[in-house]
Amino acid sequence: MGKAKDNVLWIVVCIITFFLGVFIANIKSLQYFVIDEKVDIVAATSIIATFIIAWYVGTILEKRNQGNRTQKELILKRTEDAFKVVEEFMIKVNTGTISLQEAASVFKRINVAVTRINEALRYAALPSDASLNTNIVTDSRALKDLLTDTPRTGSSANSSLQVQNGIVTISPDRMIEIESKCDSLKQNILFFQLFINKC
């Protein structure tokens, strides 16, 4: 529908331009203007080419740029969602306890988000940065290890993680490591957002 509307508009502009030219050609004299009845083919071609280029830049390229901006905004929204998942996770971990099931769910959400972002980049024909992807996945796995590397039953009670009834209790030392890894993960997601913005 939009393409047909553009074509009709283009035809109407051409018809108006043609009749305007005929009207001006029929006027023999104007008070302050002298109209030459000879047509300079080079000047006419130059005017037509300028008009076509202006139309192309003004409509086709602008639509393409708008489409690219919209695609990037949607992809950036996905990266913001992944960033929020990490921030929400940090808030929960800062209490000192977290459900083991909830911790595993967060890592899955982060990895799925990164996979979906890369699929969206491929679909939009935008480049992806393999090293940033690797850094995000590596940080996510390291964070998972920090939260799920619990001691075996009967091991020392001085462990940095303890699980009881599916709840992980985190020691202050392990908490510092987890916060550091969360910060690294957030930083890499931010770099990913900046990379997408540059595309």
Protein backbone atom coordinates (compact mmCIF):
# COMPACT_ATOMS: atom_id res chain seq x y z
CA MET A 1 0.00 0.00 0.00
CA GLY A 2 2.82 2.43 0.92
CA LYS A 3 4.71 1.75 -2.30
CA ALA A 4 1.60 2.33 -4.46
CA LYS A 5 0.97 5.60 -2.61
CA ASP A 6 4.57 6.72 -3.31
CA ASN A 7 4.20 5.85 -6.99
CA VAL A 8 0.96 7.83 -7.29
CA LEU A 9 2.61 10.79 -5.56
CA TRP A 10 5.56 10.57 -7.95
CA ILE A 11 3.23 10.54 -10.99
CA VAL A 12 1.25 13.53 -9.66
CA VAL A 13 4.50 15.51 -9.13
CA CYS A 14 5.62 14.69 -12.68
CA ILE A 15 2.25 15.78 -14.17
CA ILE A 16 2.24 19.04 -12.19
CA THR A 17 5.83 19.72 -13.26
CA PHE A 18 4.95 19.04 -16.90
CA PHE A 19 1.93 21.37 -16.88
CA LEU A 20 3.90 24.03 -15.03
CA GLY A 21 6.53 23.84 -17.77
CA VAL A 22 3.87 24.10 -20.50
CA PHE A 23 2.28 27.08 -18.74
CA ILE A 24 5.60 28.90 -18.40
CA ALA A 25 6.48 28.12 -22.04
CA ASN A 26 3.19 29.70 -23.21
CA ILE A 27 3.84 32.93 -21.36
CA LYS A 28 5.73 35.12 -23.83
CA SER A 29 6.67 37.94 -21.54
CA LEU A 30 6.62 38.77 -17.92
CA GLN A 31 7.32 42.24 -16.61
CA TYR A 32 10.65 41.45 -14.94
CA PHE A 33 11.67 38.20 -16.61
CA VAL A 34 12.83 37.30 -20.07
CA ILE A 35 11.95 33.77 -21.15
CA ASP A 36 14.21 32.17 -23.71
CA GLU A 37 12.32 29.87 -26.04
CA LYS A 38 15.41 27.76 -26.72
CA VAL A 39 15.99 24.81 -24.40
CA ASP A 40 19.50 24.10 -23.17
CA ILE A 41 19.63 20.29 -23.08
CA VAL A 42 22.53 20.20 -20.59
CA ALA A 43 20.78 22.54 -18.13
CA ALA A 44 17.49 20.64 -18.49
CA THR A 45 19.23 17.30 -17.89
CA SER A 46 21.04 18.77 -14.89
CA ILE A 47 17.77 20.04 -13.38
CA ILE A 48 16.03 16.68 -13.92
CA ALA A 49 19.00 14.75 -12.46
CA THR A 50 19.10 17.07 -9.43
CA PHE A 51 15.37 16.60 -8.88
CA ILE A 52 15.64 12.78 -9.09
CA ILE A 53 18.63 12.67 -6.72
CA ALA A 54 16.87 14.96 -4.23
CA TRP A 55 13.79 12.75 -4.33
CA TYR A 56 15.89 9.58 -3.90
CA VAL A 57 17.82 10.97 -0.94
CA GLY A 58 14.72 12.46 0.63
CA THR A 59 12.54 9.36 0.47
CA ILE A 60 14.35 6.09 -0.25
CA LEU A 61 17.50 6.66 1.80
CA GLU A 62 15.59 8.24 4.68
CA LYS A 63 13.24 5.24 4.83
CA ARG A 64 16.20 2.88 4.83
CA ASN A 65 17.94 4.84 7.60
CA GLN A 66 14.72 4.96 9.63
CA GLY A 67 14.36 1.19 9.25
CA ASN A 68 17.94 0.64 10.46
CA ARG A 69 17.38 2.95 13.45
CA THR A 70 14.21 1.10 14.41
CA GLN A 71 15.95 -2.29 14.17
CA LYS A 72 18.85 -1.07 16.32
CA GLU A 73 16.47 0.39 18.91
CA LEU A 74 14.69 -2.97 19.21
CA ILE A 75 17.99 -4.83 19.59
CA LEU A 76 19.26 -2.29 22.12
CA LYS A 77 16.05 -2.81 24.11
CA ARG A 78 16.96 -6.51 24.32
CA THR A 79 20.44 -5.66 25.64
CA GLU A 80 18.88 -3.31 28.22
CA ASP A 81 16.69 -6.20 29.36
CA ALA A 82 19.77 -8.40 29.84
CA PHE A 83 21.44 -5.56 31.78
CA LYS A 84 18.37 -5.30 34.07
CA VAL A 85 18.45 -9.06 34.71
CA VAL A 86 22.03 -8.72 36.01
CA GLU A 87 21.11 -5.68 38.15
CA GLU A 88 18.08 -7.47 39.67
CA PHE A 89 20.29 -10.49 40.32
CA MET A 90 22.84 -8.33 42.16
CA ILE A 91 20.11 -6.90 44.40
CA LYS A 92 18.96 -10.41 45.34
CA VAL A 93 22.49 -11.68 45.93
CA ASN A 94 23.32 -8.70 48.16
CA THR A 95 20.89 -10.08 50.74
CA GLY A 96 23.40 -12.91 51.30
CA THR A 97 21.03 -15.69 50.28
CA ILE A 98 19.40 -16.76 47.05
CA SER A 99 17.42 -19.75 45.87
CA LEU A 100 19.59 -22.20 43.92
CA GLN A 101 16.81 -22.54 41.34
CA GLU A 102 16.55 -18.75 40.96
CA ALA A 103 20.33 -18.44 40.48
CA ALA A 104 20.29 -21.07 37.71
CA SER A 105 17.32 -19.30 36.09
CA VAL A 106 19.20 -15.99 35.92
CA PHE A 107 22.14 -17.51 34.05
CA LYS A 108 19.82 -19.19 31.61
CA ARG A 109 18.02 -15.87 31.00
CA ILE A 110 21.31 -14.07 30.34
CA ASN A 111 22.54 -16.74 27.90
CA VAL A 112 19.18 -16.83 26.10
CA ALA A 113 19.18 -13.01 25.87
CA VAL A 114 22.66 -12.99 24.29
CA THR A 115 21.62 -15.71 21.83
CA ARG A 116 18.45 -13.77 20.88
CA ILE A 117 20.42 -10.54 20.44
CA ASN A 118 22.83 -12.27 18.06
CA GLU A 119 19.92 -13.79 16.11
CA ALA A 120 18.35 -10.33 15.82
CA LEU A 121 21.67 -8.87 14.61
CA ARG A 122 21.93 -11.57 11.94
CA TYR A 123 18.31 -11.02 10.88
CA ALA A 124 18.88 -7.25 10.63
CA ALA A 125 22.13 -7.90 8.67
CA LEU A 126 24.13 -6.04 11.33
CA PRO A 127 27.58 -7.23 12.42
CA SER A 128 28.22 -8.92 15.75
CA ASP A 129 31.35 -8.79 17.89
CA ALA A 130 32.51 -12.33 18.68
CA SER A 131 34.90 -11.23 21.45
CA LEU A 132 32.13 -9.35 23.29
CA ASN A 133 29.84 -12.38 22.96
CA THR A 134 32.58 -14.60 24.36
CA ASN A 135 33.24 -12.18 27.25
CA ILE A 136 29.55 -12.07 28.21
CA VAL A 137 29.18 -15.87 28.08
CA THR A 138 32.46 -16.35 29.98
CA ASP A 139 31.41 -13.88 32.71
CA SER A 140 28.00 -15.54 32.96
CA ARG A 141 29.57 -18.99 33.36
CA ALA A 142 32.08 -17.72 35.91
CA LEU A 143 29.22 -16.12 37.85
CA LYS A 144 27.28 -19.38 37.69
CA ASP A 145 30.31 -21.26 39.05
CA LEU A 146 30.67 -18.74 41.87
CA LEU A 147 27.07 -19.35 42.90
CA THR A 148 26.65 -23.03 42.26
CA ASP A 149 30.05 -24.42 43.25
CA THR A 150 28.70 -25.56 46.60
CA PRO A 151 30.45 -27.97 49.00
CA ARG A 152 29.52 -31.63 49.08
CA THR A 153 27.39 -32.88 51.94
CA GLY A 154 29.48 -33.39 55.06
CA SER A 155 32.27 -30.99 54.00
CA SER A 156 33.60 -28.16 56.11
CA ALA A 157 31.11 -25.62 57.44
CA ASN A 158 33.61 -22.84 56.66
CA SER A 159 32.83 -22.98 52.93
CA SER A 160 32.12 -19.70 51.12
CA LEU A 161 28.77 -21.15 49.94
CA GLN A 162 26.35 -23.26 51.92
CA VAL A 163 23.12 -24.81 50.67
CA GLN A 164 20.29 -25.70 52.93
CA ASN A 165 16.78 -26.53 51.68
CA GLY A 166 17.59 -25.17 48.20
CA ILE A 167 18.78 -21.77 49.56
CA VAL A 168 22.38 -20.71 48.97
CA THR A 169 24.02 -18.73 51.79
CA ILE A 170 26.94 -16.64 50.52
CA SER A 171 29.98 -15.66 52.58
CA PRO A 172 31.22 -12.03 52.48
CA ASP A 173 34.38 -13.06 50.59
CA ARG A 174 32.38 -14.90 47.92
CA MET A 175 29.97 -11.95 47.78
CA ILE A 176 32.85 -9.66 46.74
CA GLU A 177 33.83 -12.07 43.95
CA ILE A 178 30.21 -12.30 42.75
CA GLU A 179 29.79 -8.50 42.76
CA SER A 180 33.03 -8.10 40.81
CA LYS A 181 31.91 -10.64 38.20
CA CYS A 182 28.46 -8.97 37.97
CA ASP A 183 30.17 -5.62 37.35
CA SER A 184 32.32 -7.20 34.64
CA LEU A 185 29.23 -8.74 33.04
CA LYS A 186 27.37 -5.42 33.11
CA GLN A 187 30.40 -3.68 31.59
CA ASN A 188 30.54 -6.18 28.73
CA ILE A 189 26.80 -5.79 28.09
CA LEU A 190 27.33 -2.01 28.01
CA PHE A 191 30.18 -2.45 25.49
CA PHE A 192 27.83 -4.64 23.43
CA GLN A 193 25.25 -1.82 23.45
CA LEU A 194 27.89 0.69 22.32
CA PHE A 195 29.01 -1.68 19.56
CA ILE A 196 25.42 -2.05 18.29
CA ASN A 197 24.95 1.72 18.41
CA LYS A 198 28.00 2.19 16.14
CA CYS A 199 26.65 -0.18 13.47
